Amino acid sequence: MTGEIIPLEQISSKILLIRGQKVMLDRDLAELYGVDTKRLNEQVTRNIKRFPEDFMFELKHEEVNNLLSQFVIPSMKVLGGAIPMAFTEHSVAILSSVLKSEQAK
């Protein structure tokens, strides 16, 4: 994916409205940035002061069930047993500065 431009449709299809906010899930951001979801969340944890509470949140079980019923998440197996994190527009910009991948540059 190095040097490739990601089509707007591919990104916009990953934007969800949860708790009245436009967010992207950690797994979708990890895919866009070319890193594992685990690695993305590790970097967030290591740089937690850069991610205020209103920039990200962990989904509640009922929110995950909603996404499953809407086929946004195909199955719980896709999540690897972890509850996803949701990132707002502001945190997406911060992620690009803490991740070390070609896509994050």
Protein backbone atom coordinates (compact mmCIF):
# COMPACT_ATOMS: atom_id res chain seq x y z
CA MET A 1 0.00 0.00 0.00
CA THR A 2 3.02 2.27 0.12
CA GLY A 3 2.35 5.44 -1.82
CA GLU A 4 -1.18 4.37 -2.73
CA ILE A 5 -4.09 6.70 -2.32
CA ILE A 6 -6.97 5.07 -0.49
CA PRO A 7 -10.32 5.74 -2.21
CA LEU A 8 -12.63 7.97 -0.20
CA GLU A 9 -15.39 5.36 -0.46
CA GLN A 10 -13.19 2.82 1.30
CA ILE A 11 -12.62 5.19 4.20
CA SER A 12 -16.15 6.59 4.41
CA SER A 13 -17.62 3.08 4.54
CA LYS A 14 -15.66 2.55 7.79
CA ILE A 15 -17.03 5.66 9.52
CA LEU A 16 -19.76 4.78 12.01
CA LEU A 17 -22.12 6.90 14.09
CA ILE A 18 -21.87 5.70 17.68
CA ARG A 19 -23.01 7.71 20.71
CA GLY A 20 -23.75 10.59 18.38
CA GLN A 21 -20.15 10.78 17.17
CA LYS A 22 -18.54 9.84 13.90
CA VAL A 23 -15.91 7.23 14.73
CA MET A 24 -13.77 4.51 13.24
CA LEU A 25 -13.05 1.21 14.95
CA ASP A 26 -9.53 0.23 15.94
CA ARG A 27 -9.49 -2.76 13.56
CA ASP A 28 -10.44 -0.58 10.56
CA LEU A 29 -7.85 2.06 11.43
CA ALA A 30 -5.21 -0.62 11.91
CA GLU A 31 -5.99 -1.96 8.45
CA LEU A 32 -5.80 1.52 6.89
CA TYR A 33 -2.50 2.25 8.64
CA GLY A 34 -1.05 -1.18 7.80
CA VAL A 35 -0.52 -2.35 11.38
CA ASP A 36 -2.07 -5.02 13.60
CA THR A 37 -4.95 -3.93 15.81
CA LYS A 38 -2.94 -5.06 18.83
CA ARG A 39 -0.03 -2.84 17.77
CA LEU A 40 -2.33 0.15 17.24
CA ASN A 41 -3.83 -0.25 20.71
CA GLU A 42 -0.37 -0.69 22.26
CA GLN A 43 0.71 2.64 20.79
CA VAL A 44 -2.43 4.31 22.11
CA THR A 45 -1.68 2.93 25.59
CA ARG A 46 1.93 4.11 25.41
CA ASN A 47 0.83 7.57 24.32
CA ILE A 48 -2.38 7.78 26.35
CA LYS A 49 -1.82 11.43 27.34
CA ARG A 50 -2.25 12.34 23.67
CA PHE A 51 -5.71 10.71 23.58
CA PRO A 52 -8.15 12.55 25.87
CA GLU A 53 -11.33 10.74 26.95
CA ASP A 54 -13.49 12.48 24.36
CA PHE A 55 -11.16 11.35 21.53
CA MET A 56 -11.80 7.61 21.95
CA PHE A 57 -13.87 5.11 23.89
CA GLU A 58 -14.37 1.39 24.32
CA LEU A 59 -17.61 0.07 22.92
CA LYS A 60 -20.21 -1.39 25.25
CA HIS A 61 -21.38 -4.98 24.72
CA GLU A 62 -24.76 -3.81 23.42
CA GLU A 63 -23.01 -1.54 20.88
CA VAL A 64 -20.93 -4.50 19.67
CA ASN A 65 -24.10 -6.60 19.40
CA ASN A 66 -25.69 -3.80 17.36
CA LEU A 67 -22.74 -3.77 14.96
CA LEU A 68 -22.94 -7.55 14.65
CA SER A 69 -26.64 -7.41 13.86
CA GLN A 70 -26.03 -4.74 11.21
CA PHE A 71 -23.19 -6.82 9.69
CA VAL A 72 -20.66 -4.03 10.34
CA ILE A 73 -18.67 -6.68 12.18
CA PRO A 74 -19.14 -10.09 10.52
CA SER A 75 -18.61 -12.11 13.72
CA MET A 76 -17.10 -11.90 17.20
CA LYS A 77 -14.19 -14.00 15.90
CA VAL A 78 -13.07 -11.00 13.83
CA LEU A 79 -12.54 -9.07 17.06
CA GLY A 80 -10.28 -11.74 18.52
CA GLY A 81 -12.18 -11.67 21.80
CA ALA A 82 -11.49 -7.99 22.44
CA ILE A 83 -14.06 -5.25 22.68
CA PRO A 84 -13.23 -2.68 20.00
CA MET A 85 -12.13 0.87 20.64
CA ALA A 86 -13.80 3.69 18.74
CA PHE A 87 -11.71 6.66 17.64
CA THR A 88 -13.02 10.12 16.77
CA GLU A 89 -11.72 12.27 13.93
CA HIS A 90 -9.28 14.03 16.28
CA SER A 91 -7.73 10.80 17.49
CA VAL A 92 -7.31 9.51 13.94
CA ALA A 93 -4.96 12.43 13.27
CA ILE A 94 -3.02 11.72 16.45
CA LEU A 95 -2.71 8.04 15.53
CA SER A 96 -0.80 8.93 12.39
CA SER A 97 1.84 10.62 14.54
CA VAL A 98 2.34 7.70 16.96
CA LEU A 99 2.25 4.79 14.50
CA LYS A 100 5.35 3.73 12.62
CA SER A 101 4.11 2.53 9.26
CA GLU A 102 4.41 3.72 5.68
CA GLN A 103 0.69 4.50 5.56
CA ALA A 104 0.87 6.61 8.73
CA LYS A 105 3.51 8.92 7.23
